[in-house]
């Protein structure tokens, strides 16, 4: 019996030890579980904080984007207004230039017709009006200053190519090339007989 009592005693001690170890193990597991729960709760809090920060930042960025779009639209309207104004002014300038050119052309054409009757330093007073031949293009006039006497004609006579310009207008390229040929003496006489 004593042996049985000892056995029971050892069994109880063993059971007590197993219970203590199990209790300690369960307590350790609970502590770990509690720590993990705290970590997860903290992570959830951090996630929630990050989410709130992100949503707040996103809302601010959306508001800034909306303001930028509004500003862009306002500036686009201003640019369209400026472009319309520039086009209007460009058309007005072109119209005014056209009117000014037309007036200058009309003035020039009138002066061309009256040139033989004008007193000007480039027009010799002894050129007879009936010896002016109007060509119009590319040169306005050819003035035939000649004498019926052959010797006087060779001494004092000349053929003048004359172009009348009004204001600040210049010779055209074609007129300059003709002038250069005349000044270089590249003028000749030809008689063409047709039958």
N, C-alpha and C. Protein backbone atom coordinates (compact mmCIF):
# COMPACT_ATOMS: atom_id res chain seq x y z
N UNK A 1 0.80 -1.15 0.00
CA UNK A 1 0.00 0.00 0.00
C UNK A 1 0.87 1.24 0.00
N UNK A 2 1.82 1.11 0.73
CA UNK A 2 2.73 2.22 0.74
C UNK A 2 3.24 2.49 -0.67
N UNK A 3 3.46 1.44 -1.35
CA UNK A 3 3.91 1.58 -2.70
C UNK A 3 2.84 2.29 -3.53
N UNK A 4 1.62 2.01 -3.34
CA UNK A 4 0.52 2.62 -4.05
C UNK A 4 0.38 4.08 -3.67
N UNK A 5 0.56 4.39 -2.44
CA UNK A 5 0.47 5.77 -2.00
C UNK A 5 1.59 6.57 -2.65
N UNK A 6 2.72 6.01 -2.71
CA UNK A 6 3.86 6.71 -3.33
C UNK A 6 3.58 6.94 -4.81
N UNK A 7 2.99 5.94 -5.35
CA UNK A 7 2.70 6.07 -6.75
C UNK A 7 1.70 7.19 -7.00
N UNK A 8 0.69 7.20 -6.10
CA UNK A 8 -0.29 8.27 -6.24
C UNK A 8 0.37 9.60 -5.99
N UNK A 9 1.26 9.63 -5.07
CA UNK A 9 1.95 10.87 -4.76
C UNK A 9 2.75 11.33 -5.99
N UNK A 10 3.49 10.41 -6.57
CA UNK A 10 4.29 10.75 -7.75
C UNK A 10 3.38 11.15 -8.93
N UNK A 11 2.28 10.45 -9.03
CA UNK A 11 1.34 10.77 -10.09
C UNK A 11 0.77 12.17 -9.89
N UNK A 12 0.44 12.50 -8.63
CA UNK A 12 -0.09 13.84 -8.35
C UNK A 12 0.97 14.90 -8.60
N UNK A 13 2.18 14.63 -8.18
CA UNK A 13 3.27 15.59 -8.41
C UNK A 13 3.47 15.76 -9.91
N UNK A 14 3.46 14.59 -10.60
CA UNK A 14 3.64 14.65 -12.04
C UNK A 14 2.50 15.42 -12.69
N UNK A 15 1.29 15.17 -12.30
CA UNK A 15 0.13 15.85 -12.85
C UNK A 15 0.19 17.32 -12.53
N UNK A 16 0.65 17.61 -11.29
CA UNK A 16 0.79 19.01 -10.89
C UNK A 16 1.84 19.71 -11.77
N UNK A 17 2.93 19.02 -12.00
CA UNK A 17 3.99 19.59 -12.85
C UNK A 17 3.48 19.78 -14.28
N UNK A 18 2.79 18.77 -14.79
CA UNK A 18 2.24 18.88 -16.15
C UNK A 18 1.24 20.02 -16.18
N UNK A 19 0.41 20.16 -15.15
CA UNK A 19 -0.55 21.25 -15.08
C UNK A 19 0.15 22.60 -15.04
N UNK A 20 1.22 22.70 -14.21
CA UNK A 20 1.98 23.96 -14.13
C UNK A 20 2.62 24.30 -15.48
N UNK A 21 3.23 23.30 -16.11
CA UNK A 21 3.88 23.53 -17.41
C UNK A 21 2.83 23.94 -18.43
N UNK A 22 1.70 23.23 -18.42
CA UNK A 22 0.62 23.55 -19.36
C UNK A 22 0.09 24.95 -19.09
N UNK A 23 -0.13 25.22 -17.77
CA UNK A 23 -0.61 26.57 -17.41
C UNK A 23 0.38 27.63 -17.87
N UNK A 24 1.70 27.40 -17.65
CA UNK A 24 2.74 28.35 -18.06
C UNK A 24 2.73 28.49 -19.58
N UNK A 25 2.58 27.37 -20.31
CA UNK A 25 2.57 27.39 -21.77
C UNK A 25 1.38 28.18 -22.29
N UNK A 26 0.21 27.91 -21.66
CA UNK A 26 -1.01 28.62 -22.08
C UNK A 26 -0.86 30.11 -21.77
N UNK A 27 -0.29 30.42 -20.62
CA UNK A 27 -0.08 31.84 -20.26
C UNK A 27 0.85 32.53 -21.25
N UNK A 28 1.92 31.83 -21.65
CA UNK A 28 2.85 32.37 -22.64
C UNK A 28 2.13 32.59 -23.97
N UNK A 29 1.32 31.60 -24.35
CA UNK A 29 0.55 31.73 -25.60
C UNK A 29 -0.41 32.92 -25.52
N UNK A 30 -1.07 33.10 -24.37
CA UNK A 30 -1.99 34.22 -24.21
C UNK A 30 -1.25 35.55 -24.32
N UNK A 31 -0.04 35.60 -23.70
CA UNK A 31 0.74 36.83 -23.77
C UNK A 31 1.15 37.13 -25.22
N UNK A 32 1.60 36.06 -25.90
CA UNK A 32 1.97 36.25 -27.32
C UNK A 32 0.76 36.67 -28.14
N UNK A 33 -0.37 36.02 -27.87
CA UNK A 33 -1.59 36.37 -28.58
C UNK A 33 -1.97 37.82 -28.29
N UNK A 34 -1.86 38.22 -27.03
CA UNK A 34 -2.20 39.60 -26.64
C UNK A 34 -1.26 40.59 -27.34
N UNK A 35 0.04 40.23 -27.38
CA UNK A 35 1.01 41.10 -28.06
C UNK A 35 0.68 41.19 -29.55
N UNK A 36 0.36 40.07 -30.17
CA UNK A 36 0.01 40.07 -31.59
C UNK A 36 -1.26 40.87 -31.83
N UNK A 37 -2.22 40.73 -30.93
CA UNK A 37 -3.45 41.50 -31.05
C UNK A 37 -3.14 42.99 -30.93
N UNK A 38 -2.29 43.35 -29.93
CA UNK A 38 -1.89 44.77 -29.80
C UNK A 38 -1.18 45.25 -31.04
N UNK A 39 -0.26 44.43 -31.58
CA UNK A 39 0.47 44.79 -32.81
C UNK A 39 -0.50 44.97 -33.97
N UNK A 40 -1.45 44.03 -34.08
CA UNK A 40 -2.44 44.14 -35.16
C UNK A 40 -3.33 45.36 -34.99
N UNK A 41 -3.72 45.63 -33.74
CA UNK A 41 -4.53 46.82 -33.48
C UNK A 41 -3.74 48.08 -33.81
N UNK A 42 -2.45 48.09 -33.42
CA UNK A 42 -1.60 49.24 -33.72
C UNK A 42 -1.44 49.39 -35.23
N UNK A 43 -1.24 48.24 -35.91
CA UNK A 43 -1.13 48.27 -37.38
C UNK A 43 -2.42 48.78 -37.99
N UNK A 44 -3.55 48.31 -37.45
CA UNK A 44 -4.84 48.76 -37.97
C UNK A 44 -5.00 50.26 -37.74
N UNK A 45 -4.54 50.72 -36.55
CA UNK A 45 -4.60 52.15 -36.26
C UNK A 45 -3.71 52.91 -37.24
N UNK A 46 -2.50 52.38 -37.47
CA UNK A 46 -1.58 53.01 -38.42
C UNK A 46 -2.18 53.02 -39.83
N UNK A 47 -2.78 51.90 -40.22
CA UNK A 47 -3.40 51.82 -41.55
C UNK A 47 -4.53 52.84 -41.65
N UNK A 48 -5.32 52.92 -40.58
CA UNK A 48 -6.43 53.88 -40.58
C UNK A 48 -5.90 55.30 -40.65
N UNK A 49 -4.81 55.58 -39.90
CA UNK A 49 -4.20 56.92 -39.92
C UNK A 49 -3.64 57.23 -41.30
N UNK A 50 -2.94 56.25 -41.88
CA UNK A 50 -2.39 56.44 -43.23
C UNK A 50 -3.52 56.63 -44.23
N UNK A 51 -4.59 55.86 -44.09
CA UNK A 51 -5.74 55.98 -44.99
C UNK A 51 -6.38 57.37 -44.87
N UNK A 52 -6.54 57.83 -43.64
CA UNK A 52 -7.11 59.17 -43.43
C UNK A 52 -6.20 60.24 -44.03
N UNK A 53 -4.87 60.09 -43.77
CA UNK A 53 -3.91 61.05 -44.32
C UNK A 53 -3.97 61.03 -45.85
N UNK A 54 -4.00 59.80 -46.41
CA UNK A 54 -4.05 59.66 -47.87
C UNK A 54 -5.33 60.28 -48.42
N UNK A 55 -6.47 59.97 -47.79
CA UNK A 55 -7.74 60.52 -48.27
C UNK A 55 -7.77 62.03 -48.14
N UNK A 56 -7.20 62.55 -47.05
CA UNK A 56 -7.13 64.00 -46.88
C UNK A 56 -6.23 64.62 -47.95
N UNK A 57 -5.06 63.99 -48.16
CA UNK A 57 -4.14 64.48 -49.19
C UNK A 57 -4.78 64.38 -50.57
N UNK A 58 -5.48 63.25 -50.81
CA UNK A 58 -6.16 63.07 -52.10
C UNK A 58 -7.23 64.14 -52.30
N UNK A 59 -7.97 64.45 -51.24
CA UNK A 59 -9.00 65.48 -51.33
C UNK A 59 -8.36 66.84 -51.63
N UNK A 60 -7.23 67.13 -50.97
CA UNK A 60 -6.53 68.41 -51.22
C UNK A 60 -6.04 68.45 -52.66
N UNK A 61 -5.47 67.33 -53.12
CA UNK A 61 -4.96 67.30 -54.49
C UNK A 61 -6.09 67.43 -55.51
N UNK A 62 -7.22 66.82 -55.22
CA UNK A 62 -8.37 66.96 -56.13
C UNK A 62 -8.84 68.41 -56.16
N UNK A 63 -8.83 69.06 -55.00
CA UNK A 63 -9.23 70.46 -54.94
C UNK A 63 -8.23 71.33 -55.71
N UNK A 64 -6.93 71.05 -55.52
CA UNK A 64 -5.91 71.80 -56.27
C UNK A 64 -6.05 71.55 -57.77
N UNK A 65 -6.31 70.29 -58.14
CA UNK A 65 -6.51 69.96 -59.56
C UNK A 65 -7.71 70.71 -60.12
N UNK A 66 -8.78 70.77 -59.34
CA UNK A 66 -9.96 71.50 -59.78
C UNK A 66 -9.65 72.98 -59.95
N UNK A 67 -8.89 73.55 -59.00
CA UNK A 67 -8.50 74.96 -59.12
C UNK A 67 -7.61 75.18 -60.33
N UNK A 68 -6.67 74.24 -60.57
CA UNK A 68 -5.79 74.36 -61.73
C UNK A 68 -6.58 74.27 -63.04
N UNK A 69 -7.56 73.36 -63.06
CA UNK A 69 -8.38 73.24 -64.28
C UNK A 69 -9.19 74.51 -64.51
N UNK A 70 -9.72 75.08 -63.42
CA UNK A 70 -10.47 76.33 -63.54
C UNK A 70 -9.55 77.44 -64.06
N UNK A 71 -8.35 77.52 -63.50
CA UNK A 71 -7.38 78.54 -63.94
C UNK A 71 -6.98 78.30 -65.40
N UNK A 72 -6.77 77.01 -65.75
CA UNK A 72 -6.42 76.69 -67.14
C UNK A 72 -7.53 77.12 -68.09
N UNK A 73 -8.77 76.84 -67.72
CA UNK A 73 -9.91 77.23 -68.56
C UNK A 73 -10.01 78.74 -68.69
N UNK A 74 -9.77 79.44 -67.57
CA UNK A 74 -9.82 80.91 -67.60
C UNK A 74 -8.73 81.45 -68.52
N UNK A 75 -7.51 80.89 -68.39
CA UNK A 75 -6.42 81.36 -69.24
C UNK A 75 -6.64 80.98 -70.69
N UNK A 76 -7.25 79.82 -70.94
CA UNK A 76 -7.56 79.42 -72.32
C UNK A 76 -8.56 80.40 -72.94
N UNK A 77 -9.55 80.82 -72.14
CA UNK A 77 -10.50 81.82 -72.63
C UNK A 77 -9.80 83.14 -72.94
N UNK A 78 -8.87 83.53 -72.04
CA UNK A 78 -8.12 84.78 -72.28
C UNK A 78 -7.29 84.67 -73.54
N UNK A 79 -6.63 83.50 -73.73
CA UNK A 79 -5.82 83.30 -74.93
C UNK A 79 -6.70 83.35 -76.17
N UNK A 80 -7.85 82.70 -76.12
CA UNK A 80 -8.78 82.74 -77.26
C UNK A 80 -9.21 84.18 -77.55
N UNK A 81 -9.47 84.94 -76.48
CA UNK A 81 -9.84 86.34 -76.64
C UNK A 81 -8.70 87.12 -77.29
N UNK A 82 -7.47 86.89 -76.80
CA UNK A 82 -6.30 87.57 -77.37
C UNK A 82 -6.10 87.19 -78.83
N UNK A 83 -6.26 85.89 -79.13
CA UNK A 83 -6.09 85.44 -80.52
C UNK A 83 -7.13 86.09 -81.42
N UNK A 84 -8.38 86.14 -80.95
CA UNK A 84 -9.43 86.79 -81.74
C UNK A 84 -9.10 88.27 -81.96
N UNK A 85 -8.61 88.93 -80.91
CA UNK A 85 -8.25 90.35 -81.03
C UNK A 85 -7.08 90.54 -81.99
N UNK A 86 -6.09 89.64 -81.89
CA UNK A 86 -4.93 89.73 -82.80
C UNK A 86 -5.39 89.51 -84.24
N UNK A 87 -6.25 88.52 -84.45
CA UNK A 87 -6.75 88.27 -85.81
C UNK A 87 -7.55 89.47 -86.33
N UNK A 88 -8.36 90.06 -85.44
CA UNK A 88 -9.14 91.23 -85.84
C UNK A 88 -8.20 92.37 -86.22
N UNK A 89 -7.18 92.61 -85.37
CA UNK A 89 -6.22 93.68 -85.65
C UNK A 89 -5.42 93.38 -86.92
N UNK A 90 -5.06 92.10 -87.10
CA UNK A 90 -4.31 91.72 -88.30
C UNK A 90 -5.15 92.00 -89.55
N UNK A 91 -6.42 91.62 -89.51
CA UNK A 91 -7.30 91.89 -90.65
C UNK A 91 -7.47 93.39 -90.88
N UNK A 92 -7.58 94.15 -89.77
CA UNK A 92 -7.71 95.60 -89.90
C UNK A 92 -6.44 96.20 -90.51
N UNK A 93 -5.27 95.73 -90.04
CA UNK A 93 -4.00 96.22 -90.60
C UNK A 93 -3.91 95.87 -92.08
N UNK A 94 -4.27 94.62 -92.41
CA UNK A 94 -4.21 94.21 -93.81
C UNK A 94 -5.16 95.06 -94.65
N UNK A 95 -6.33 95.33 -94.09
CA UNK A 95 -7.31 96.16 -94.81
C UNK A 95 -6.75 97.57 -95.00
N UNK A 96 -6.18 98.13 -93.93
CA UNK A 96 -5.61 99.49 -94.02
C UNK A 96 -4.42 99.52 -94.99
N UNK A 97 -3.59 98.47 -94.95
CA UNK A 97 -2.46 98.41 -95.88
C UNK A 97 -2.97 98.35 -97.31
N UNK A 98 -4.01 97.53 -97.50
CA UNK A 98 -4.59 97.42 -98.84
C UNK A 98 -5.13 98.76 -99.32
N UNK A 99 -5.82 99.48 -98.41
CA UNK A 99 -6.34 100.80 -98.78
C UNK A 99 -5.20 101.76 -99.09
N UNK A 100 -4.15 101.72 -98.23
CA UNK A 100 -3.01 102.63 -98.44
C UNK A 100 -2.29 102.28 -99.75
N UNK A 101 -2.12 100.98 -100.00
CA UNK A 101 -1.47 100.57 -101.25
C UNK A 101 -2.32 100.97 -102.44
N UNK A 102 -3.63 100.80 -102.31
CA UNK A 102 -4.52 101.19 -103.39
C UNK A 102 -4.44 102.69 -103.65
N UNK A 103 -4.43 103.46 -102.56
CA UNK A 103 -4.31 104.92 -102.72
C UNK A 103 -2.97 105.29 -103.35
N UNK A 104 -1.88 104.63 -102.87
CA UNK A 104 -0.55 104.91 -103.43
C UNK A 104 -0.51 104.53 -104.90
N UNK A 105 -1.14 103.38 -105.23
CA UNK A 105 -1.17 102.94 -106.62
C UNK A 105 -1.97 103.93 -107.47
N UNK A 106 -3.11 104.34 -106.96
CA UNK A 106 -3.93 105.32 -107.70
C UNK A 106 -3.17 106.63 -107.89
N UNK A 107 -2.51 107.07 -106.82
CA UNK A 107 -1.73 108.32 -106.91
C UNK A 107 -0.61 108.14 -107.92
N UNK A 108 0.09 106.99 -107.83
CA UNK A 108 1.19 106.73 -108.76
C UNK A 108 0.71 106.68 -110.20
N UNK A 109 -0.45 106.05 -110.45
CA UNK A 109 -0.98 105.96 -111.80
C UNK A 109 -1.39 107.34 -112.33
N UNK A 110 -1.94 108.16 -111.44
CA UNK A 110 -2.31 109.52 -111.86
C UNK A 110 -1.06 110.32 -112.19
N UNK A 111 -0.05 110.20 -111.32
CA UNK A 111 1.20 110.93 -111.57
C UNK A 111 1.88 110.46 -112.84
N UNK A 112 1.80 109.15 -113.13
CA UNK A 112 2.38 108.63 -114.37
C UNK A 112 1.78 109.33 -115.58
N UNK A 113 0.45 109.51 -115.57
CA UNK A 113 -0.22 110.14 -116.73
C UNK A 113 0.13 111.61 -116.88
N UNK A 114 0.38 112.26 -115.73
CA UNK A 114 0.65 113.70 -115.77
C UNK A 114 2.13 114.02 -115.87
N UNK A 115 3.00 113.03 -115.83
CA UNK A 115 4.46 113.26 -115.82
C UNK A 115 4.93 114.15 -116.97
N UNK A 116 4.45 113.98 -118.19
CA UNK A 116 4.96 114.85 -119.28
C UNK A 116 4.65 116.34 -119.05
N UNK A 117 3.67 116.64 -118.20
CA UNK A 117 3.26 118.03 -118.01
C UNK A 117 3.85 118.64 -116.72
N UNK A 118 4.57 117.85 -115.95
CA UNK A 118 5.09 118.31 -114.66
C UNK A 118 6.45 118.97 -114.81
N UNK A 119 6.72 119.87 -113.87
CA UNK A 119 8.02 120.50 -113.80
C UNK A 119 8.82 119.77 -112.71
N UNK A 120 9.87 119.04 -113.13
CA UNK A 120 10.65 118.23 -112.19
C UNK A 120 12.11 118.27 -112.63
N UNK A 121 13.07 118.22 -111.68
CA UNK A 121 14.49 118.30 -112.04
C UNK A 121 14.96 117.17 -112.98
N UNK A 122 14.31 116.02 -112.93
CA UNK A 122 14.72 114.91 -113.78
C UNK A 122 14.09 114.98 -115.18
N UNK A 123 13.20 115.94 -115.40
CA UNK A 123 12.53 116.08 -116.71
C UNK A 123 13.09 117.33 -117.38
N UNK A 124 13.73 117.13 -118.54
CA UNK A 124 14.27 118.28 -119.29
C UNK A 124 13.12 119.10 -119.87
N UNK A 125 13.26 120.39 -119.79
CA UNK A 125 12.19 121.27 -120.27
C UNK A 125 12.09 121.29 -121.79
N UNK A 126 13.17 120.88 -122.49
CA UNK A 126 13.11 120.90 -123.95
C UNK A 126 12.61 119.57 -124.54
N UNK A 127 12.15 118.66 -123.70
CA UNK A 127 11.52 117.44 -124.23
C UNK A 127 10.10 117.80 -124.64
N UNK A 128 9.76 117.51 -125.87
CA UNK A 128 8.44 117.82 -126.37
C UNK A 128 7.45 116.75 -125.90
N UNK A 129 6.26 117.20 -125.52
CA UNK A 129 5.25 116.30 -124.99
C UNK A 129 4.85 115.24 -126.02
N UNK A 130 4.83 115.61 -127.27
CA UNK A 130 4.42 114.64 -128.30
C UNK A 130 5.47 113.54 -128.52
N UNK A 131 6.68 113.72 -127.97
CA UNK A 131 7.73 112.71 -128.12
C UNK A 131 7.80 111.74 -126.93
N UNK A 132 6.81 111.81 -126.05
CA UNK A 132 6.73 110.88 -124.91
C UNK A 132 5.82 109.73 -125.33
N UNK A 133 6.32 108.50 -125.24
CA UNK A 133 5.50 107.32 -125.56
C UNK A 133 5.26 106.54 -124.27
N UNK A 134 3.97 106.41 -123.94
CA UNK A 134 3.61 105.70 -122.70
C UNK A 134 3.60 104.20 -122.96
N UNK A 135 4.38 103.45 -122.17
CA UNK A 135 4.37 101.98 -122.25
C UNK A 135 3.56 101.40 -121.08
N UNK A 136 3.79 101.94 -119.89
CA UNK A 136 3.06 101.48 -118.71
C UNK A 136 3.74 100.33 -117.99
N UNK A 137 4.21 99.32 -118.73
CA UNK A 137 4.85 98.19 -118.08
C UNK A 137 5.88 97.60 -119.03
N UNK A 138 7.03 97.26 -118.60
CA UNK A 138 7.59 97.43 -117.25
C UNK A 138 8.15 98.84 -117.01
N UNK A 139 8.31 99.61 -118.08
CA UNK A 139 8.79 100.99 -117.95
C UNK A 139 7.64 101.90 -118.36
N UNK A 140 7.49 103.05 -117.66
CA UNK A 140 6.34 103.92 -117.93
C UNK A 140 6.45 104.63 -119.28
N UNK A 141 7.60 105.24 -119.56
CA UNK A 141 7.73 106.05 -120.78
C UNK A 141 9.05 105.79 -121.48
N UNK A 142 9.00 106.03 -122.79
CA UNK A 142 10.22 106.22 -123.56
C UNK A 142 10.09 107.62 -124.15
N UNK A 143 11.10 108.45 -123.87
CA UNK A 143 11.09 109.83 -124.38
C UNK A 143 12.08 109.88 -125.53
N UNK A 144 11.57 110.33 -126.69
CA UNK A 144 12.39 110.42 -127.90
C UNK A 144 12.83 111.87 -128.05
N UNK A 145 14.00 112.21 -127.58
CA UNK A 145 14.53 113.57 -127.72
C UNK A 145 15.49 113.55 -128.92
N UNK A 146 14.97 114.03 -130.06
CA UNK A 146 15.77 113.95 -131.28
C UNK A 146 15.59 115.24 -132.09
N UNK A 147 16.48 115.39 -133.04
CA UNK A 147 16.43 116.54 -133.93
C UNK A 147 16.28 116.01 -135.36
N UNK A 148 15.65 116.82 -136.20
CA UNK A 148 15.50 116.40 -137.59
C UNK A 148 16.83 116.52 -138.34
N UNK A 149 17.72 117.36 -137.82
CA UNK A 149 19.05 117.51 -138.41
C UNK A 149 19.90 116.34 -137.89
N UNK A 150 20.49 115.60 -138.82
CA UNK A 150 21.22 114.39 -138.46
C UNK A 150 22.39 114.68 -137.54
N UNK A 151 23.17 115.74 -137.86
CA UNK A 151 24.35 116.06 -137.03
C UNK A 151 23.94 116.53 -135.63
N UNK A 152 22.93 117.42 -135.55
CA UNK A 152 22.43 117.86 -134.24
C UNK A 152 21.84 116.69 -133.46
N UNK A 153 21.17 115.81 -134.19
CA UNK A 153 20.56 114.65 -133.55
C UNK A 153 21.62 113.77 -132.89
N UNK A 154 22.75 113.53 -133.62
CA UNK A 154 23.81 112.69 -133.06
C UNK A 154 24.53 113.37 -131.90
N UNK A 155 24.58 114.73 -131.89
CA UNK A 155 25.24 115.46 -130.79
C UNK A 155 24.33 115.59 -129.57
N UNK A 156 23.11 116.03 -129.77
CA UNK A 156 22.23 116.36 -128.64
C UNK A 156 21.07 115.38 -128.42
N UNK A 157 20.76 114.52 -129.35
CA UNK A 157 19.60 113.65 -129.24
C UNK A 157 19.86 112.47 -128.28
N UNK A 158 18.79 111.95 -127.78
CA UNK A 158 18.89 110.76 -126.91
C UNK A 158 17.52 110.12 -126.79
N UNK A 159 17.56 108.86 -126.38
CA UNK A 159 16.35 108.12 -126.06
C UNK A 159 16.40 107.87 -124.55
N UNK A 160 15.33 108.27 -123.85
CA UNK A 160 15.31 108.16 -122.39
C UNK A 160 14.24 107.15 -121.98
N UNK A 161 14.67 106.18 -121.22
CA UNK A 161 13.72 105.24 -120.60
C UNK A 161 13.39 105.83 -119.23
N UNK A 162 12.11 106.09 -118.99
CA UNK A 162 11.72 106.84 -117.80
C UNK A 162 10.63 106.09 -117.05
N UNK A 163 10.83 105.94 -115.74
CA UNK A 163 9.81 105.32 -114.91
C UNK A 163 9.43 106.32 -113.83
N UNK A 164 8.15 106.49 -113.61
CA UNK A 164 7.64 107.45 -112.63
C UNK A 164 7.30 106.69 -111.34
N UNK A 165 7.84 107.16 -110.21
CA UNK A 165 7.56 106.55 -108.91
C UNK A 165 6.99 107.61 -107.99
N UNK A 166 6.00 107.20 -107.18
CA UNK A 166 5.38 108.13 -106.23
C UNK A 166 5.86 107.77 -104.82
N UNK A 167 6.10 108.77 -104.01
CA UNK A 167 6.45 108.55 -102.60
C UNK A 167 7.75 107.78 -102.45
N UNK A 168 7.70 106.72 -101.65
CA UNK A 168 8.91 105.94 -101.34
C UNK A 168 8.96 104.64 -102.11
N UNK A 169 8.15 104.50 -103.16
CA UNK A 169 8.15 103.24 -103.90
C UNK A 169 9.46 103.07 -104.65
N UNK A 170 9.84 101.83 -104.86
CA UNK A 170 11.11 101.48 -105.49
C UNK A 170 10.87 100.78 -106.82
N UNK A 171 11.94 100.67 -107.59
CA UNK A 171 11.87 99.92 -108.84
C UNK A 171 11.65 98.45 -108.52
N UNK A 172 10.92 97.78 -109.40
CA UNK A 172 10.77 96.33 -109.24
C UNK A 172 12.06 95.66 -109.71
N UNK A 173 12.18 94.39 -109.42
CA UNK A 173 13.38 93.65 -109.84
C UNK A 173 13.54 93.70 -111.35
N UNK A 174 12.44 93.52 -112.06
CA UNK A 174 12.48 93.57 -113.53
C UNK A 174 12.95 94.95 -114.01
N UNK A 175 12.42 96.00 -113.40
CA UNK A 175 12.82 97.37 -113.78
C UNK A 175 14.30 97.61 -113.48
N UNK A 176 14.79 97.08 -112.36
CA UNK A 176 16.22 97.26 -112.03
C UNK A 176 17.10 96.54 -113.05
N UNK A 177 16.67 95.35 -113.47
CA UNK A 177 17.47 94.60 -114.46
C UNK A 177 17.50 95.34 -115.80
N UNK A 178 16.37 95.93 -116.21
CA UNK A 178 16.32 96.71 -117.46
C UNK A 178 17.22 97.94 -117.32
N UNK A 179 17.13 98.63 -116.17
CA UNK A 179 17.99 99.80 -115.93
C UNK A 179 19.47 99.42 -116.04
N UNK A 180 19.84 98.28 -115.43
CA UNK A 180 21.24 97.84 -115.46
C UNK A 180 21.71 97.59 -116.89
N UNK A 181 20.85 96.97 -117.72
CA UNK A 181 21.21 96.71 -119.12
C UNK A 181 21.39 98.02 -119.88
N UNK A 182 20.51 98.98 -119.66
CA UNK A 182 20.59 100.27 -120.36
C UNK A 182 21.86 101.00 -119.94
N UNK A 183 22.13 101.04 -118.63
CA UNK A 183 23.33 101.73 -118.15
C UNK A 183 24.61 101.05 -118.60
N UNK A 184 24.56 99.73 -118.86
CA UNK A 184 25.74 99.00 -119.35
C UNK A 184 25.89 99.14 -120.86
N UNK A 185 24.95 99.85 -121.52
CA UNK A 185 25.03 100.05 -122.97
C UNK A 185 24.56 98.85 -123.76
N UNK A 186 23.83 97.93 -123.13
CA UNK A 186 23.35 96.73 -123.80
C UNK A 186 22.01 97.01 -124.49
N UNK A 187 22.00 98.08 -125.36
CA UNK A 187 20.81 98.48 -126.11
C UNK A 187 21.17 98.43 -127.59
N UNK A 188 20.29 97.89 -128.38
CA UNK A 188 20.59 97.83 -129.81
C UNK A 188 19.34 98.15 -130.64
N UNK A 189 19.56 98.45 -131.90
CA UNK A 189 18.48 98.75 -132.84
C UNK A 189 18.35 97.60 -133.82
N UNK A 190 17.08 97.20 -134.08
CA UNK A 190 16.85 96.16 -135.08
C UNK A 190 15.63 96.56 -135.91
N UNK A 191 15.73 96.29 -137.18
CA UNK A 191 14.60 96.51 -138.07
C UNK A 191 14.11 95.12 -138.50
N UNK A 192 12.84 94.88 -138.32
CA UNK A 192 12.26 93.60 -138.69
C UNK A 192 11.29 93.87 -139.84
N UNK A 193 11.52 93.25 -140.94
CA UNK A 193 10.64 93.42 -142.10
C UNK A 193 9.79 92.15 -142.23
N UNK A 194 8.49 92.34 -142.24
CA UNK A 194 7.58 91.22 -142.38
C UNK A 194 6.87 91.33 -143.72
N UNK A 195 6.60 90.24 -144.33
CA UNK A 195 5.93 90.27 -145.63
C UNK A 195 4.67 89.47 -145.59
